[in-house]
Amino acid sequence: MPAALFAYAGIAAVVAASTPKGAHGRISAIFGAEIAIVLALAARSRSGSRAAVT
């Protein structure tokens, strides 16, 4: 699951970065990419801690 979130976060970051200034939806693309990156990092840290407990 973390790998899929990292892939989505990477794609979202590329789309947000390649959106031209003034384009409709640029702010929401950047905001969505940031959320995706945060969720991917949270999933990675949770999966790592779960593996250490078991």
N, C-alpha and C. Protein backbone atom coordinates (compact mmCIF):
# COMPACT_ATOMS: atom_id res chain seq x y z
N MET A 1 0.81 -1.20 0.00
CA MET A 1 0.00 0.00 0.00
C MET A 1 0.85 1.26 0.00
N PRO A 2 1.92 1.34 0.81
CA PRO A 2 2.74 2.55 0.77
C PRO A 2 3.36 2.79 -0.61
N ALA A 3 3.70 1.73 -1.33
CA ALA A 3 4.29 1.91 -2.66
C ALA A 3 3.30 2.55 -3.61
N ALA A 4 2.04 2.16 -3.53
CA ALA A 4 1.03 2.76 -4.39
C ALA A 4 0.82 4.23 -4.04
N LEU A 5 0.86 4.55 -2.76
CA LEU A 5 0.71 5.95 -2.35
C LEU A 5 1.91 6.78 -2.79
N PHE A 6 3.12 6.20 -2.73
CA PHE A 6 4.29 6.93 -3.20
C PHE A 6 4.22 7.16 -4.71
N ALA A 7 3.73 6.17 -5.45
CA ALA A 7 3.57 6.35 -6.90
C ALA A 7 2.56 7.45 -7.19
N TYR A 8 1.45 7.44 -6.50
CA TYR A 8 0.44 8.47 -6.70
C TYR A 8 0.98 9.84 -6.32
N ALA A 9 1.72 9.92 -5.23
CA ALA A 9 2.29 11.20 -4.80
C ALA A 9 3.29 11.73 -5.83
N GLY A 10 4.08 10.85 -6.40
CA GLY A 10 5.04 11.27 -7.42
C GLY A 10 4.35 11.78 -8.67
N ILE A 11 3.32 11.07 -9.10
CA ILE A 11 2.57 11.51 -10.28
C ILE A 11 1.87 12.83 -10.01
N ALA A 12 1.30 12.97 -8.83
CA ALA A 12 0.61 14.21 -8.48
C ALA A 12 1.58 15.38 -8.42
N ALA A 13 2.78 15.14 -7.93
CA ALA A 13 3.78 16.22 -7.87
C ALA A 13 4.22 16.65 -9.26
N VAL A 14 4.38 15.69 -10.17
CA VAL A 14 4.76 16.03 -11.54
C VAL A 14 3.66 16.81 -12.23
N VAL A 15 2.42 16.38 -12.05
CA VAL A 15 1.30 17.09 -12.66
C VAL A 15 1.19 18.50 -12.09
N ALA A 16 1.33 18.64 -10.79
CA ALA A 16 1.24 19.97 -10.17
C ALA A 16 2.38 20.87 -10.63
N ALA A 17 3.58 20.31 -10.79
CA ALA A 17 4.72 21.12 -11.20
C ALA A 17 4.64 21.52 -12.67
N SER A 18 4.01 20.69 -13.49
CA SER A 18 3.96 20.99 -14.92
C SER A 18 2.74 21.83 -15.30
N THR A 19 1.85 22.11 -14.35
CA THR A 19 0.70 22.94 -14.63
C THR A 19 1.15 24.40 -14.74
N PRO A 20 0.82 25.07 -15.84
CA PRO A 20 1.30 26.45 -16.00
C PRO A 20 0.66 27.41 -15.01
N LYS A 21 1.39 28.48 -14.70
CA LYS A 21 0.86 29.49 -13.79
C LYS A 21 -0.41 30.09 -14.38
N GLY A 22 -1.38 30.31 -13.51
CA GLY A 22 -2.64 30.89 -13.93
C GLY A 22 -3.64 29.88 -14.47
N ALA A 23 -3.23 28.62 -14.57
CA ALA A 23 -4.14 27.59 -15.07
C ALA A 23 -5.19 27.28 -14.02
N HIS A 24 -6.37 26.96 -14.50
CA HIS A 24 -7.47 26.63 -13.60
C HIS A 24 -7.16 25.31 -12.90
N GLY A 25 -7.20 25.29 -11.59
CA GLY A 25 -6.96 24.08 -10.82
C GLY A 25 -5.52 23.87 -10.39
N ARG A 26 -4.65 24.82 -10.63
CA ARG A 26 -3.24 24.66 -10.25
C ARG A 26 -3.09 24.59 -8.74
N ILE A 27 -3.78 25.44 -8.03
CA ILE A 27 -3.68 25.46 -6.56
C ILE A 27 -4.17 24.15 -5.97
N SER A 28 -5.27 23.64 -6.48
CA SER A 28 -5.79 22.37 -5.95
C SER A 28 -4.86 21.20 -6.31
N ALA A 29 -4.19 21.28 -7.46
CA ALA A 29 -3.23 20.22 -7.83
C ALA A 29 -2.04 20.22 -6.87
N ILE A 30 -1.56 21.40 -6.52
CA ILE A 30 -0.44 21.50 -5.59
C ILE A 30 -0.87 21.02 -4.20
N PHE A 31 -2.05 21.43 -3.77
CA PHE A 31 -2.57 21.02 -2.47
C PHE A 31 -2.76 19.50 -2.42
N GLY A 32 -3.30 18.93 -3.48
CA GLY A 32 -3.49 17.47 -3.55
C GLY A 32 -2.19 16.71 -3.54
N ALA A 33 -1.18 17.25 -4.22
CA ALA A 33 0.13 16.60 -4.22
C ALA A 33 0.76 16.61 -2.83
N GLU A 34 0.61 17.73 -2.13
CA GLU A 34 1.15 17.81 -0.76
C GLU A 34 0.45 16.81 0.16
N ILE A 35 -0.86 16.71 0.04
CA ILE A 35 -1.60 15.75 0.87
C ILE A 35 -1.16 14.32 0.55
N ALA A 36 -0.99 14.02 -0.74
CA ALA A 36 -0.57 12.68 -1.14
C ALA A 36 0.80 12.34 -0.58
N ILE A 37 1.71 13.30 -0.59
CA ILE A 37 3.05 13.05 -0.05
C ILE A 37 2.99 12.79 1.46
N VAL A 38 2.20 13.59 2.16
CA VAL A 38 2.06 13.42 3.62
C VAL A 38 1.45 12.05 3.93
N LEU A 39 0.42 11.66 3.19
CA LEU A 39 -0.20 10.35 3.43
C LEU A 39 0.75 9.21 3.11
N ALA A 40 1.55 9.36 2.07
CA ALA A 40 2.51 8.31 1.72
C ALA A 40 3.57 8.17 2.81
N LEU A 41 4.04 9.28 3.34
CA LEU A 41 5.02 9.22 4.42
C LEU A 41 4.41 8.62 5.68
N ALA A 42 3.16 8.96 5.97
CA ALA A 42 2.49 8.39 7.14
C ALA A 42 2.29 6.89 6.97
N ALA A 43 1.94 6.45 5.78
CA ALA A 43 1.75 5.01 5.54
C ALA A 43 3.07 4.27 5.66
N ARG A 44 4.14 4.90 5.21
CA ARG A 44 5.44 4.24 5.31
C ARG A 44 5.87 4.09 6.75
N SER A 45 5.66 5.13 7.56
CA SER A 45 6.08 5.04 8.94
C SER A 45 5.20 4.07 9.73
N ARG A 46 3.92 4.00 9.40
CA ARG A 46 3.03 3.06 10.09
C ARG A 46 3.36 1.63 9.71
N SER A 47 3.67 1.37 8.44
CA SER A 47 3.98 0.00 8.05
C SER A 47 5.30 -0.44 8.65
N GLY A 48 6.24 0.47 8.81
CA GLY A 48 7.52 0.14 9.43
C GLY A 48 7.37 -0.17 10.90
N SER A 49 6.53 0.59 11.61
CA SER A 49 6.36 0.35 13.04
C SER A 49 5.59 -0.94 13.27
N ARG A 50 4.66 -1.26 12.37
CA ARG A 50 3.89 -2.49 12.51
C ARG A 50 4.79 -3.69 12.32
N ALA A 51 5.74 -3.60 11.40
CA ALA A 51 6.67 -4.71 11.14
C ALA A 51 7.60 -4.92 12.34
N ALA A 52 7.95 -3.84 13.03
CA ALA A 52 8.86 -3.94 14.15
C ALA A 52 8.17 -4.57 15.36
N VAL A 53 6.86 -4.39 15.47
CA VAL A 53 6.12 -4.91 16.62
C VAL A 53 5.92 -6.41 16.50
N THR A 54 5.67 -6.90 15.29
CA THR A 54 5.36 -8.33 15.13
C THR A 54 6.57 -9.18 15.10
